[in-house]
Protein backbone atom coordinates (compact mmCIF):
# COMPACT_ATOMS: atom_id res chain seq x y z
CA MET A 1 51.34 -5.11 -13.86
CA PRO A 2 48.05 -3.82 -12.30
CA GLY A 3 46.79 -2.56 -15.68
CA SER A 4 48.02 -5.52 -17.69
CA PRO A 5 46.04 -8.62 -18.63
CA GLU A 6 48.29 -10.57 -16.24
CA GLY A 7 47.38 -8.21 -13.41
CA ILE A 8 43.68 -8.48 -14.16
CA ALA A 9 43.81 -12.26 -14.22
CA LEU A 10 45.81 -12.35 -10.97
CA ALA A 11 43.27 -10.12 -9.23
CA ALA A 12 40.54 -12.57 -10.17
CA HIS A 13 42.18 -15.38 -8.18
CA TYR A 14 41.09 -13.87 -4.90
CA ARG A 15 37.83 -12.90 -3.24
CA LEU A 16 37.71 -9.13 -3.33
CA GLY A 17 37.94 -7.10 -0.15
CA ASP A 18 36.61 -3.55 0.17
CA ALA A 19 39.91 -1.92 -0.78
CA GLU A 20 40.33 -4.08 -3.87
CA VAL A 21 36.94 -3.46 -5.45
CA ALA A 22 37.79 -0.02 -6.87
CA VAL A 23 41.01 -1.25 -8.48
CA VAL A 24 39.51 -4.32 -10.07
CA ALA A 25 36.36 -2.48 -11.18
CA ASN A 26 38.54 -0.04 -13.09
CA GLN A 27 40.43 -2.88 -14.72
CA ILE A 28 37.47 -4.98 -15.84
CA MET A 29 35.31 -2.09 -17.09
CA GLN A 30 37.53 -0.96 -19.95
CA ARG A 31 36.63 2.33 -21.62
CA GLY A 32 37.36 0.53 -24.86
CA PRO A 33 37.87 -3.14 -25.67
CA VAL A 34 41.18 -4.70 -24.63
CA GLN A 35 41.67 -5.69 -28.26
CA PRO A 36 39.84 -4.30 -31.29
CA PRO A 37 36.84 -6.49 -32.06
CA ALA A 38 36.81 -8.19 -35.42
CA PRO A 39 33.71 -7.80 -37.61
CA ASP A 40 32.58 -11.15 -36.21
CA PRO A 41 33.28 -11.94 -32.53
CA VAL A 42 36.55 -13.81 -32.00
CA PRO A 43 36.32 -16.56 -29.38
CA ALA A 44 38.78 -16.15 -26.52
CA GLU A 45 40.74 -19.06 -25.15
CA PRO A 46 38.80 -21.19 -22.64
CA SER A 47 39.09 -19.81 -19.14
CA SER A 48 41.52 -21.40 -16.73
CA PRO A 49 39.87 -23.01 -13.69
CA GLU A 50 42.20 -20.94 -11.49
CA VAL A 51 40.90 -17.61 -12.85
CA ARG A 52 38.11 -16.09 -10.76
CA THR A 53 35.34 -14.25 -12.56
CA ALA A 54 35.49 -10.65 -11.38
CA LEU A 55 32.23 -9.42 -12.91
CA THR A 56 28.91 -11.00 -13.94
CA VAL A 57 26.37 -8.95 -15.89
CA VAL A 58 22.90 -10.52 -15.69
CA LEU A 59 20.43 -9.73 -18.48
CA PRO A 60 16.90 -11.02 -17.66
CA CYS A 61 14.95 -11.49 -20.90
CA TYR A 62 11.40 -12.11 -21.98
CA ASN A 63 10.73 -11.91 -25.73
CA GLU A 64 13.78 -9.72 -26.42
CA ALA A 65 14.96 -11.38 -29.66
CA GLU A 66 15.01 -8.05 -31.52
CA ARG A 67 16.66 -5.84 -28.90
CA LEU A 68 18.99 -8.32 -27.18
CA PRO A 69 21.69 -8.41 -29.92
CA GLY A 70 22.19 -4.64 -29.74
CA THR A 71 22.38 -4.71 -25.94
CA LEU A 72 24.92 -7.55 -25.98
CA ARG A 73 26.98 -5.83 -28.65
CA ALA A 74 27.12 -2.55 -26.71
CA HIS A 75 28.22 -4.16 -23.43
CA LEU A 76 30.60 -6.74 -24.86
CA ARG A 77 32.52 -4.03 -26.73
CA GLN A 78 33.32 -2.36 -23.41
CA LEU A 79 34.06 -5.37 -21.22
CA SER A 80 37.41 -7.08 -20.75
CA TRP A 81 38.33 -9.75 -23.31
CA VAL A 82 40.54 -11.61 -20.83
CA ALA A 83 39.37 -15.23 -20.74
CA GLY A 84 37.23 -15.90 -17.68
CA GLU A 85 37.48 -12.35 -16.33
CA VAL A 86 33.88 -11.35 -17.03
CA GLU A 87 30.67 -13.10 -18.00
CA VAL A 88 27.40 -11.86 -19.43
CA LEU A 89 24.65 -14.16 -18.19
CA VAL A 90 21.49 -14.08 -20.31
CA VAL A 91 18.48 -15.49 -18.42
CA ASP A 92 15.61 -16.36 -20.76
CA ASP A 93 12.37 -16.16 -18.78
CA GLY A 94 10.25 -18.55 -20.85
CA SER A 95 10.28 -16.43 -24.02
CA THR A 96 7.92 -17.40 -26.82
CA ASP A 97 10.06 -15.79 -29.53
CA ALA A 98 13.65 -16.50 -30.61
CA THR A 99 15.30 -14.89 -27.58
CA ARG A 100 17.04 -18.07 -26.42
CA ALA A 101 18.22 -18.99 -29.91
CA VAL A 102 19.65 -15.50 -30.39
CA ALA A 103 21.44 -15.62 -27.03
CA GLU A 104 22.86 -19.09 -27.69
CA ALA A 105 24.08 -18.02 -31.13
CA VAL A 106 26.05 -15.17 -29.53
CA ALA A 107 27.33 -17.48 -26.78
CA ALA A 108 28.62 -19.92 -29.40
CA MET A 109 30.77 -17.11 -30.84
CA ASP A 110 31.81 -15.35 -27.63
CA PRO A 111 32.72 -17.42 -24.54
CA ARG A 112 32.04 -14.46 -22.27
CA VAL A 113 28.31 -15.07 -22.82
CA ARG A 114 26.43 -17.77 -20.92
CA VAL A 115 22.73 -18.62 -21.26
CA LEU A 116 20.23 -19.88 -18.69
CA GLY A 117 16.57 -20.53 -19.35
CA HIS A 118 13.41 -21.86 -17.79
CA ARG A 119 9.77 -22.43 -18.74
CA PRO A 120 7.15 -21.23 -18.34
CA ASN A 121 7.50 -17.47 -17.95
CA ARG A 122 7.79 -16.71 -14.23
CA GLY A 123 8.47 -12.96 -14.11
CA LYS A 124 11.42 -10.60 -14.00
CA GLY A 125 12.02 -11.14 -10.30
CA PHE A 126 12.39 -14.88 -10.82
CA ALA A 127 14.77 -14.39 -13.77
CA VAL A 128 16.94 -11.91 -11.88
CA ARG A 129 17.10 -14.17 -8.83
CA ALA A 130 18.14 -17.13 -11.00
CA GLY A 131 20.89 -15.08 -12.61
CA MET A 132 22.16 -13.52 -9.39
CA LEU A 133 22.45 -16.91 -7.68
CA ALA A 134 24.08 -18.52 -10.73
CA GLY A 135 26.54 -15.68 -11.37
CA ARG A 136 30.20 -16.49 -10.83
CA GLY A 137 31.46 -12.94 -10.41
CA ASP A 138 32.85 -11.23 -7.34
CA LEU A 139 30.65 -8.33 -8.49
CA ILE A 140 27.22 -9.14 -9.97
CA VAL A 141 25.11 -6.54 -11.77
CA PHE A 142 21.75 -6.91 -13.46
CA ALA A 143 20.60 -4.64 -16.26
CA ASP A 144 17.54 -4.45 -18.49
CA ALA A 145 18.03 -6.39 -21.72
CA ASP A 146 16.25 -3.79 -23.84
CA GLY A 147 19.26 -1.47 -23.87
CA SER A 148 17.78 1.15 -21.54
CA TYR A 149 21.15 1.46 -19.78
CA GLY A 150 24.41 1.87 -21.65
CA PRO A 151 27.94 0.71 -20.80
CA GLY A 152 28.69 4.05 -19.12
CA ASP A 153 25.84 3.55 -16.64
CA LEU A 154 27.03 0.00 -16.00
CA ARG A 155 30.55 1.26 -15.33
CA ARG A 156 29.32 3.81 -12.78
CA VAL A 157 27.35 1.20 -10.86
CA VAL A 158 30.34 -1.18 -10.84
CA GLU A 159 32.64 1.58 -9.60
CA ALA A 160 30.16 2.48 -6.83
CA LEU A 161 30.56 -1.03 -5.42
CA ALA A 162 33.90 0.19 -4.08
CA GLU A 163 31.90 2.34 -1.65
CA ALA A 164 29.03 0.04 -0.68
CA PRO A 165 28.05 -3.63 -1.04
CA VAL A 166 24.94 -2.62 -3.03
CA ALA A 167 24.72 0.07 -5.74
CA ILE A 168 21.56 1.08 -7.58
CA GLY A 169 20.91 3.29 -10.58
CA ALA A 170 18.82 6.39 -9.89
CA ARG A 171 17.19 7.75 -13.02
CA THR A 172 17.13 11.49 -13.57
CA GLU A 173 13.59 12.85 -13.86
CA ALA A 174 14.13 13.83 -17.48
CA ALA A 175 14.95 10.26 -18.39
CA THR A 176 12.06 8.44 -16.78
CA GLY A 177 9.72 8.49 -19.77
CA PRO A 178 6.20 9.85 -20.36
CA LEU A 179 4.55 12.11 -17.78
CA VAL A 180 1.99 9.46 -16.86
CA ARG A 181 4.75 7.00 -16.02
CA GLN A 182 6.71 9.66 -14.10
CA ALA A 183 3.64 10.46 -11.99
CA ALA A 184 2.90 6.78 -11.38
CA SER A 185 6.53 6.18 -10.41
CA ARG A 186 6.55 9.07 -7.92
CA GLY A 187 3.26 7.90 -6.41
CA PHE A 188 4.53 4.34 -6.13
CA ASN A 189 7.75 5.44 -4.42
CA LEU A 190 5.84 7.57 -1.92
CA ALA A 191 3.63 4.59 -1.10
CA ILE A 192 6.69 2.37 -0.70
CA ARG A 193 8.25 4.83 1.71
CA GLY A 194 5.13 4.64 3.84
CA LEU A 195 4.79 0.86 3.69
CA LEU A 196 8.41 -0.23 4.03
CA GLY A 197 10.39 2.86 4.99
CA LEU A 198 12.63 2.78 1.91
CA PRO A 199 14.44 6.12 1.52
CA PHE A 200 15.15 5.85 -2.23
CA PRO A 201 13.60 8.21 -4.81
CA ASP A 202 13.89 5.50 -7.47
CA THR A 203 13.38 1.89 -6.38
CA GLN A 204 12.50 0.53 -9.84
CA SER A 205 15.60 1.32 -11.89
CA GLY A 206 16.56 -1.75 -13.91
CA LEU A 207 20.25 -1.42 -13.11
CA LYS A 208 21.52 -2.65 -9.74
CA GLY A 209 24.85 -4.10 -8.59
CA PHE A 210 26.01 -6.20 -5.67
CA ARG A 211 29.17 -7.59 -4.19
CA ARG A 212 28.96 -11.36 -4.29
CA ALA A 213 28.30 -11.89 -0.57
CA ALA A 214 25.52 -9.26 -0.60
CA ALA A 215 23.93 -10.83 -3.68
CA ARG A 216 23.89 -14.26 -2.05
CA ALA A 217 22.51 -12.93 1.24
CA ILE A 218 19.71 -10.99 -0.44
CA PHE A 219 18.63 -13.18 -3.35
CA SER A 220 18.67 -16.41 -1.36
CA ARG A 221 15.84 -14.82 0.65
CA THR A 222 13.75 -13.10 -2.04
CA ARG A 223 10.29 -14.47 -2.79
CA LEU A 224 8.68 -12.10 -5.31
CA ASP A 225 8.72 -13.03 -9.00
CA GLY A 226 7.14 -9.88 -10.45
CA PHE A 227 8.30 -6.30 -11.09
CA ALA A 228 8.11 -5.37 -7.38
CA PHE A 229 11.06 -7.64 -6.62
CA ASP A 230 13.26 -4.48 -6.56
CA VAL A 231 11.39 -3.30 -3.48
CA GLU A 232 11.91 -6.64 -1.76
CA VAL A 233 15.63 -6.54 -2.61
CA LEU A 234 16.08 -3.07 -1.10
CA PHE A 235 14.01 -3.97 1.95
CA LEU A 236 16.20 -7.02 2.58
CA ALA A 237 19.33 -4.91 2.13
CA GLY A 238 18.08 -2.78 5.00
CA GLN A 239 17.23 -5.78 7.15
CA LEU A 240 20.75 -7.11 6.56
CA GLY A 241 22.33 -3.76 7.48
CA LEU A 242 23.85 -3.20 4.03
CA ASP A 243 24.75 0.27 2.77
CA VAL A 244 23.26 1.14 -0.64
CA ALA A 245 25.00 3.61 -2.97
CA GLN A 246 22.82 5.55 -5.41
CA VAL A 247 24.28 6.34 -8.83
CA GLY A 248 22.81 8.81 -11.31
CA VAL A 249 21.99 7.07 -14.61
CA GLN A 250 20.38 8.14 -17.87
CA ALA A 251 17.75 5.57 -18.82
CA ARG A 252 16.82 5.57 -22.50
CA GLU A 253 13.14 5.21 -23.32
CA CYS A 254 12.81 2.10 -25.50
CA GLU A 255 9.93 1.18 -27.76
CA GLY A 256 8.02 -1.95 -26.85
CA SER A 257 8.14 -1.48 -23.08
CA LYS A 258 6.38 -4.28 -21.21
CA VAL A 259 5.38 -1.99 -18.32
CA ARG A 260 1.64 -1.24 -18.12
CA VAL A 261 1.44 1.74 -15.80
CA ALA A 262 -1.95 1.30 -14.09
CA ALA A 263 -2.08 -2.49 -13.85
CA ASP A 264 1.57 -2.90 -12.89
CA ALA A 265 1.41 -0.14 -10.25
CA GLN A 266 -1.54 -1.88 -8.57
CA ARG A 267 0.19 -5.25 -8.67
CA MET A 268 3.43 -3.81 -7.31
CA LEU A 269 1.59 -2.19 -4.40
CA ARG A 270 0.02 -5.55 -3.58
CA ASP A 271 3.48 -7.12 -3.71
CA ALA A 272 4.83 -4.42 -1.39
CA TRP A 273 2.14 -5.37 1.12
CA ALA A 274 3.25 -8.97 0.63
CA VAL A 275 6.82 -8.02 1.58
CA ARG A 276 5.54 -6.46 4.78
CA ARG A 277 3.49 -9.57 5.58
CA LEU A 278 6.41 -11.90 4.82
CA ALA A 279 8.69 -9.88 7.09
CA THR A 280 6.13 -9.86 9.90
CA SER A 281 5.61 -13.62 9.63
CA GLY A 282 9.35 -14.33 9.74
CA ALA A 283 9.32 -15.88 6.26
CA TYR A 284 12.64 -14.26 5.35
CA GLY A 285 14.34 -16.02 8.26
CA GLY A 286 17.85 -15.64 9.61
CA LEU A 287 17.90 -11.84 9.50
CA PRO A 288 20.18 -10.14 12.03
CA ALA A 289 18.42 -8.25 14.81
CA GLY A 290 18.63 -4.49 15.16
CA HIS A 291 18.48 -3.47 11.50
CA GLY A 292 15.71 -1.76 9.58
CA GLN A 293 15.92 0.84 6.87
CA PRO A 294 18.81 0.55 4.39
CA ARG A 295 21.43 3.26 4.71
CA ALA A 296 21.33 5.20 1.44
CA ALA A 297 24.36 7.08 0.17
CA SER A 298 24.55 9.05 -3.09
CA ASN A 299 27.51 8.56 -5.42
């Protein structure tokens, strides 16, 4: 029964404890689809209100009408088809192209897809926060909508949540893009270590996962809307005493990147200073005493 659709659905009835995460993660992240996909997506039966959603994948989007269909196709092929077991939550961050229409067209054909949107454009941090707080899953993962991270990377992050309440992708140096961006990334991470004491070699990977309670505790406190929100998230994980697993991932360099190395690095450093000021002023509120740096563990 554990590997059957009945076993998967049964597991989703309950809030997952530490020992259950590994089992359920293996069940919901199928190496192939539970049933062969038809040329056009076949709608599953509506989910039963008693079935808990085990996994939410959040895709924050801004003007991703061209790349989003391929990203959705790749992930949906590898996720469970059991009704209500998983959801892919597309968050349209005030796109000016057809991103929302594309997402809603897929959602109309595949009930695993759900779409949120807001206007105007607020920034990736805002979109991720909206998705993480709206996600129904016991495990909630966000990934870049441009297809930088494949289903295999997603699976590894989900599996790592059996070991820690937070799991982050760590890009190998060969996969981090042009030399200028690699140098800027290394410089940024060194500055972040000095400012906030974060021990991670890669804070900006666009693939991070959380157990539900950790996601709620962190994202209910986040304030940054821009690209530096990742730093705030990891800082808050440390303040909350949460272990963070690091998972090696292979990020694919995609054309049309919205990252502008010099301008974005300067803005992210200003945001990192803002995190320090917010923490000093008590703006994050309700943090337990006696915690500081997050405890990093490789996976």
